[in-house]
Amino acid sequence: MLGLAKHCLIHDVTTRWNSSYDMLVRYLEQQAAVYVALTEQALKKKDISILSDQEVKMTEEVIVILKPLKTLTTLISSEATPSASMILPLKATVLHSMEPNDGDSAIVTQVKAAIRENLEDRYSCQDFLHKCTALDPRFKPLPHVDDACRDRIYNSLITEIVAMEEEHEEAKWTAAATSSSHTPEASESPPPVKRSAMAELFGELFQTQVEDKDTLQLVKEEVAAYKAVSSISVDSDPLLWWKTNEPTYPLIAKLAKRYLAIPATSVPSERVFSTAGDIVTASRSALTADNVDKLIFLAKN
């Protein structure tokens, strides 16, 4: 049993867990039917091993351990938009469920240790995944990391947003300079801007004071406001939240669009290939690439 658990962990962190769980559950469900079938006269003469009561109890214990992994696999494979921001929270949840308990049997302790050992070293791109998680309004408090790591993650986000804004400003100034160098100077100066009656009447006395802040200060204030706002429920759509709150956090929203668009698994792309295989068959091999793209788009949308 432990060898099966280790085998399924090494080969595939999601599919094998799912298959092992389903196999064990189906066996327990059909246990009575299996025993009845083994009492057939033709099978009695054959040397067929069956699980003992102790092994059946062991199977039931392993099923309880694998249940969180089954839920994880179902969630990450069936959700419409499984973002990479879910990876580390899911990993932390699984590791927490694999903590040893005083009442665990020897086999349960071994299986939990095997799962923890396999999971703890996975996902080497921690900085990237931490940023994805911080930009997800469901997980932005980052409860699975300590305070020092949380501060480092948000400081890294601030640095990246500032660099992105500076690149954008530089590109804008370069484009403006290029455009002005190719535009002939106007012979006449533009007419003065006409002021409204309210501006004429109150403009001198009630002037709007605009505080000139640098990009770093603006980003820090926006990130602080984003951290202070309450998280949304885990069942909510983070992309819909950003669509609604983009005017409130315009600088962070630009980065969120980059990170939250990254899928957590290859399942969506594999499903597209499966759809393509259903469309491009031997009897439809003359389809052009453009028509195949259109048919796949219609099938997936």
Protein backbone atom coordinates (compact mmCIF):
# COMPACT_ATOMS: atom_id res chain seq x y z
CA MET A 1 0.00 0.00 0.00
CA LEU A 2 2.82 2.39 0.89
CA GLY A 3 4.61 1.45 -2.33
CA LEU A 4 1.48 2.30 -4.31
CA ALA A 5 1.22 5.67 -2.56
CA LYS A 6 4.87 6.49 -3.31
CA HIS A 7 4.51 5.33 -6.92
CA CYS A 8 1.50 7.52 -7.57
CA LEU A 9 3.24 10.52 -5.97
CA ILE A 10 6.44 10.21 -8.00
CA HIS A 11 4.80 9.90 -11.42
CA ASP A 12 2.07 12.49 -11.34
CA VAL A 13 1.02 14.78 -8.54
CA THR A 14 -2.61 14.94 -9.62
CA THR A 15 -3.72 12.16 -11.98
CA ARG A 16 -2.19 9.28 -10.02
CA TRP A 17 -3.65 10.49 -6.75
CA ASN A 18 -7.07 10.69 -8.34
CA SER A 19 -6.76 7.23 -9.92
CA SER A 20 -5.51 5.60 -6.71
CA TYR A 21 -8.30 7.13 -4.66
CA ASP A 22 -10.98 6.07 -7.15
CA MET A 23 -9.54 2.55 -7.38
CA LEU A 24 -9.59 2.04 -3.61
CA VAL A 25 -13.06 3.51 -3.21
CA ARG A 26 -14.48 1.35 -5.99
CA TYR A 27 -12.94 -1.75 -4.44
CA LEU A 28 -14.57 -1.13 -1.07
CA GLU A 29 -17.90 -0.39 -2.76
CA GLN A 30 -17.74 -3.65 -4.73
CA GLN A 31 -16.11 -5.72 -1.98
CA ALA A 32 -19.17 -7.94 -1.41
CA ALA A 33 -19.57 -8.56 -5.13
CA VAL A 34 -15.88 -9.45 -5.43
CA TYR A 35 -16.14 -12.00 -2.61
CA VAL A 36 -19.26 -13.53 -4.17
CA ALA A 37 -17.52 -13.82 -7.52
CA LEU A 38 -14.53 -15.53 -5.91
CA THR A 39 -16.78 -18.24 -4.47
CA GLU A 40 -17.65 -19.47 -7.95
CA GLN A 41 -16.68 -23.09 -8.46
CA ALA A 42 -14.40 -22.27 -11.38
CA LEU A 43 -12.40 -19.79 -9.32
CA LYS A 44 -12.12 -21.88 -6.16
CA LYS A 45 -9.49 -24.08 -7.77
CA LYS A 46 -7.31 -21.06 -8.53
CA ASP A 47 -4.97 -19.50 -6.03
CA ILE A 48 -6.43 -15.98 -5.77
CA SER A 49 -5.36 -13.75 -2.91
CA ILE A 50 -7.90 -11.48 -1.27
CA LEU A 51 -7.46 -8.67 1.22
CA SER A 52 -7.60 -9.60 4.87
CA ASP A 53 -9.70 -7.67 7.36
CA GLN A 54 -6.59 -5.81 8.51
CA GLU A 55 -5.75 -4.84 4.91
CA VAL A 56 -9.32 -3.67 4.32
CA LYS A 57 -9.08 -1.47 7.42
CA MET A 58 -5.75 -0.17 6.12
CA THR A 59 -7.41 0.67 2.79
CA GLU A 60 -10.15 2.61 4.54
CA GLU A 61 -7.52 4.64 6.42
CA VAL A 62 -5.60 5.41 3.23
CA ILE A 63 -8.80 6.58 1.53
CA VAL A 64 -9.32 9.12 4.31
CA ILE A 65 -5.78 10.41 3.73
CA LEU A 66 -6.20 10.64 -0.02
CA LYS A 67 -9.56 12.45 0.17
CA PRO A 68 -8.01 15.98 0.26
CA LEU A 69 -5.89 15.08 -2.78
CA LYS A 70 -8.98 13.89 -4.63
CA THR A 71 -10.74 17.16 -3.82
CA LEU A 72 -7.68 19.13 -4.96
CA THR A 73 -7.52 17.27 -8.27
CA THR A 74 -11.21 17.76 -8.95
CA LEU A 75 -11.00 21.46 -8.12
CA ILE A 76 -7.92 22.24 -10.18
CA SER A 77 -9.16 20.24 -13.18
CA SER A 78 -12.80 21.28 -13.30
CA GLU A 79 -12.75 24.98 -12.42
CA ALA A 80 -13.34 27.28 -15.38
CA THR A 81 -10.34 29.50 -14.62
CA PRO A 82 -7.81 27.63 -12.46
CA SER A 83 -5.13 30.29 -11.96
CA ALA A 84 -1.55 29.71 -10.82
CA SER A 85 -2.46 31.74 -7.72
CA MET A 86 -4.17 28.63 -6.33
CA ILE A 87 -1.07 26.41 -6.33
CA LEU A 88 0.63 27.47 -3.09
CA PRO A 89 -2.60 27.78 -1.03
CA LEU A 90 -3.62 24.30 -2.18
CA LYS A 91 -0.18 22.95 -1.38
CA ALA A 92 -0.29 24.51 2.11
CA THR A 93 -3.75 23.02 2.68
CA VAL A 94 -2.62 19.53 1.69
CA LEU A 95 0.53 19.73 3.82
CA HIS A 96 -1.57 20.84 6.79
CA SER A 97 -3.91 17.86 6.31
CA MET A 98 -0.87 15.55 6.27
CA GLU A 99 0.34 16.63 9.71
CA PRO A 100 0.84 13.56 11.94
CA ASN A 101 -1.71 12.92 14.68
CA ASP A 102 -1.40 10.94 17.89
CA GLY A 103 -4.06 8.45 16.81
CA ASP A 104 -2.48 7.63 13.41
CA SER A 105 -1.56 4.03 12.72
CA ALA A 106 1.86 3.06 11.41
CA ILE A 107 0.72 2.89 7.77
CA VAL A 108 -1.10 6.23 8.02
CA THR A 109 2.04 7.83 9.44
CA GLN A 110 4.16 6.40 6.61
CA VAL A 111 1.77 7.48 3.86
CA LYS A 112 1.48 10.98 5.28
CA ALA A 113 5.26 11.24 5.53
CA ALA A 114 5.64 10.07 1.91
CA ILE A 115 3.14 12.66 0.67
CA ARG A 116 4.74 15.47 2.67
CA GLU A 117 8.23 14.52 1.51
CA ASN A 118 7.11 14.57 -2.11
CA LEU A 119 5.16 17.82 -1.90
CA GLU A 120 7.54 19.96 0.15
CA ASP A 121 10.18 20.16 -2.59
CA ARG A 122 7.78 20.81 -5.45
CA TYR A 123 7.36 24.11 -7.27
CA SER A 124 10.82 25.67 -7.24
CA CYS A 125 9.53 28.98 -8.68
CA GLN A 126 8.38 30.15 -5.25
CA ASP A 127 8.80 33.90 -5.84
CA PHE A 128 6.66 33.82 -8.96
CA LEU A 129 3.93 31.75 -7.31
CA HIS A 130 3.96 33.96 -4.20
CA LYS A 131 3.31 37.00 -6.41
CA CYS A 132 0.44 35.20 -8.13
CA THR A 133 -1.10 34.38 -4.76
CA ALA A 134 -0.69 37.94 -3.43
CA LEU A 135 -2.46 39.34 -6.50
CA ASP A 136 -5.45 37.04 -5.99
CA PRO A 137 -8.00 38.86 -3.77
CA ARG A 138 -9.05 35.51 -2.29
CA PHE A 139 -5.59 34.68 -0.89
CA LYS A 140 -3.88 38.08 -0.56
CA PRO A 141 -3.47 37.89 3.28
CA LEU A 142 -1.01 35.02 2.60
CA PRO A 143 -1.77 33.16 5.85
CA HIS A 144 0.47 30.24 4.82
CA VAL A 145 3.70 32.30 5.13
CA ASP A 146 5.31 34.22 8.00
CA ASP A 147 5.35 38.01 8.37
CA ALA A 148 8.87 38.46 7.00
CA CYS A 149 8.07 36.45 3.87
CA ARG A 150 4.78 38.33 3.43
CA ASP A 151 6.55 41.71 3.57
CA ARG A 152 9.18 40.51 1.11
CA ILE A 153 6.50 39.37 -1.35
CA TYR A 154 4.66 42.70 -1.31
CA ASN A 155 7.92 44.66 -1.53
CA SER A 156 8.79 42.59 -4.58
CA LEU A 157 5.41 43.47 -6.10
CA ILE A 158 6.03 47.17 -5.42
CA THR A 159 9.43 47.00 -7.11
CA GLU A 160 8.00 45.23 -10.16
CA ILE A 161 5.09 47.67 -10.52
CA VAL A 162 7.43 50.67 -10.27
CA ALA A 163 9.75 49.18 -12.91
CA MET A 164 6.78 48.47 -15.16
CA GLU A 165 5.51 52.04 -14.82
CA GLU A 166 8.95 53.50 -15.51
CA GLU A 167 9.26 51.39 -18.65
CA HIS A 168 5.82 52.55 -19.74
CA GLU A 169 6.70 56.22 -19.15
CA GLU A 170 10.00 55.84 -20.99
CA ALA A 171 8.27 54.23 -23.96
CA LYS A 172 5.66 56.98 -23.97
CA TRP A 173 8.29 59.75 -23.95
CA THR A 174 10.26 58.00 -26.69
CA ALA A 175 7.16 57.72 -28.84
CA ALA A 176 6.30 61.37 -28.22
CA ALA A 177 9.81 62.50 -29.12
CA THR A 178 9.76 60.42 -32.30
CA SER A 179 6.37 61.81 -33.25
CA SER A 180 7.39 65.44 -32.62
CA SER A 181 10.55 65.07 -34.68
CA HIS A 182 8.48 64.10 -37.71
CA THR A 183 5.75 66.71 -37.18
CA PRO A 184 6.29 70.18 -38.70
CA GLU A 185 5.95 73.07 -36.27
CA ALA A 186 2.68 74.92 -36.39
CA SER A 187 2.89 78.42 -37.83
CA GLU A 188 0.41 79.79 -35.33
CA SER A 189 0.11 79.12 -31.63
CA PRO A 190 -3.08 77.32 -30.52
CA PRO A 191 -5.92 79.49 -29.20
CA PRO A 192 -6.17 79.87 -25.42
CA VAL A 193 -8.40 77.41 -23.57
CA LYS A 194 -11.76 78.93 -22.78
CA ARG A 195 -12.52 78.88 -19.05
CA SER A 196 -15.95 78.10 -17.68
CA ALA A 197 -17.98 80.64 -15.69
CA MET A 198 -17.32 78.75 -12.44
CA ALA A 199 -13.56 78.78 -13.15
CA GLU A 200 -13.67 82.51 -13.94
CA LEU A 201 -15.56 83.26 -10.71
CA PHE A 202 -13.86 80.97 -8.17
CA GLY A 203 -10.63 79.98 -9.89
CA GLU A 204 -8.42 82.54 -8.18
CA LEU A 205 -9.74 81.99 -4.65
CA PHE A 206 -10.40 78.24 -4.55
CA GLN A 207 -7.50 76.61 -6.30
CA THR A 208 -7.21 72.80 -6.25
CA GLN A 209 -4.00 71.69 -4.65
CA VAL A 210 -2.60 68.69 -6.52
CA GLU A 211 0.05 66.85 -4.53
CA ASP A 212 2.94 65.84 -6.73
CA LYS A 213 3.90 62.29 -5.72
CA ASP A 214 6.50 60.12 -7.33
CA THR A 215 5.67 56.69 -8.74
CA LEU A 216 7.11 54.77 -5.78
CA GLN A 217 4.94 56.65 -3.28
CA LEU A 218 1.82 56.12 -5.38
CA VAL A 219 2.50 52.40 -5.71
CA LYS A 220 3.17 52.01 -1.98
CA GLU A 221 -0.08 53.75 -1.09
CA GLU A 222 -2.06 51.67 -3.57
CA VAL A 223 -0.55 48.41 -2.34
CA ALA A 224 -1.24 49.39 1.28
CA ALA A 225 -4.87 50.11 0.42
CA TYR A 226 -5.13 46.80 -1.44
CA LYS A 227 -3.74 44.90 1.55
CA ALA A 228 -6.13 46.66 3.94
CA VAL A 229 -9.31 45.81 2.04
CA SER A 230 -11.12 42.61 3.06
CA SER A 231 -10.50 39.44 1.10
CA ILE A 232 -13.27 37.97 -1.00
CA SER A 233 -14.67 34.49 -0.41
CA VAL A 234 -12.80 31.55 -1.90
CA ASP A 235 -15.83 30.80 -4.10
CA SER A 236 -15.68 34.23 -5.76
CA ASP A 237 -14.15 34.98 -9.15
CA PRO A 238 -10.87 36.96 -8.75
CA LEU A 239 -10.96 38.13 -12.37
CA LEU A 240 -14.44 39.59 -11.90
CA TRP A 241 -13.24 41.33 -8.72
CA TRP A 242 -10.34 42.93 -10.59
CA LYS A 243 -12.65 43.99 -13.40
CA THR A 244 -14.81 45.82 -10.85
CA ASN A 245 -11.95 47.25 -8.77
CA GLU A 246 -9.48 48.15 -11.52
CA PRO A 247 -10.34 51.89 -11.24
CA THR A 248 -9.51 51.74 -7.52
CA TYR A 249 -6.17 49.93 -7.96
CA PRO A 250 -5.09 50.77 -11.51
CA LEU A 251 -1.37 50.16 -10.98
CA ILE A 252 -1.75 46.75 -9.30
CA ALA A 253 -4.43 45.74 -11.82
CA LYS A 254 -1.91 45.90 -14.65
CA LEU A 255 0.27 43.36 -12.90
CA ALA A 256 -2.69 41.21 -11.86
CA LYS A 257 -3.70 40.83 -15.50
CA ARG A 258 -0.28 39.37 -16.26
CA TYR A 259 -0.10 36.91 -13.38
CA LEU A 260 -3.70 35.73 -12.97
CA ALA A 261 -3.92 34.84 -16.66
CA ILE A 262 -1.42 31.99 -16.13
CA PRO A 263 -3.20 28.62 -15.74
CA ALA A 264 -2.38 26.37 -12.80
CA THR A 265 -2.29 23.16 -14.86
CA SER A 266 -2.03 22.00 -18.46
CA VAL A 267 -5.56 20.57 -18.31
CA PRO A 268 -7.19 23.41 -20.33
CA SER A 269 -4.67 23.11 -23.17
CA GLU A 270 -4.94 19.31 -23.14
CA ARG A 271 -8.72 19.63 -23.46
CA VAL A 272 -8.23 21.87 -26.49
CA PHE A 273 -6.06 19.19 -28.10
CA SER A 274 -8.74 16.59 -27.31
CA THR A 275 -11.35 18.80 -28.95
CA ALA A 276 -9.12 19.19 -31.98
CA GLY A 277 -8.81 15.40 -32.19
CA ASP A 278 -12.60 15.10 -32.22
CA ILE A 279 -12.88 17.67 -35.01
CA VAL A 280 -10.01 16.65 -37.30
CA THR A 281 -10.84 13.04 -38.13
CA ALA A 282 -9.96 10.81 -41.06
CA SER A 283 -13.18 11.80 -42.83
CA ARG A 284 -12.46 15.52 -42.28
CA SER A 285 -8.74 15.58 -42.99
CA ALA A 286 -9.14 18.22 -45.74
CA LEU A 287 -10.08 20.95 -43.26
CA THR A 288 -7.84 23.99 -43.51
CA ALA A 289 -5.97 25.28 -40.46
CA ASP A 290 -8.12 28.42 -40.33
CA ASN A 291 -11.34 26.42 -40.34
CA VAL A 292 -9.99 24.10 -37.64
CA ASP A 293 -9.17 27.11 -35.46
CA LYS A 294 -12.69 28.50 -35.95
CA LEU A 295 -14.35 25.17 -35.16
CA ILE A 296 -12.27 24.69 -32.00
CA PHE A 297 -13.09 28.25 -30.92
CA LEU A 298 -16.82 27.61 -31.41
CA ALA A 299 -16.62 24.29 -29.58
CA LYS A 300 -14.81 25.80 -26.56
CA ASN A 301 -16.95 28.97 -26.42
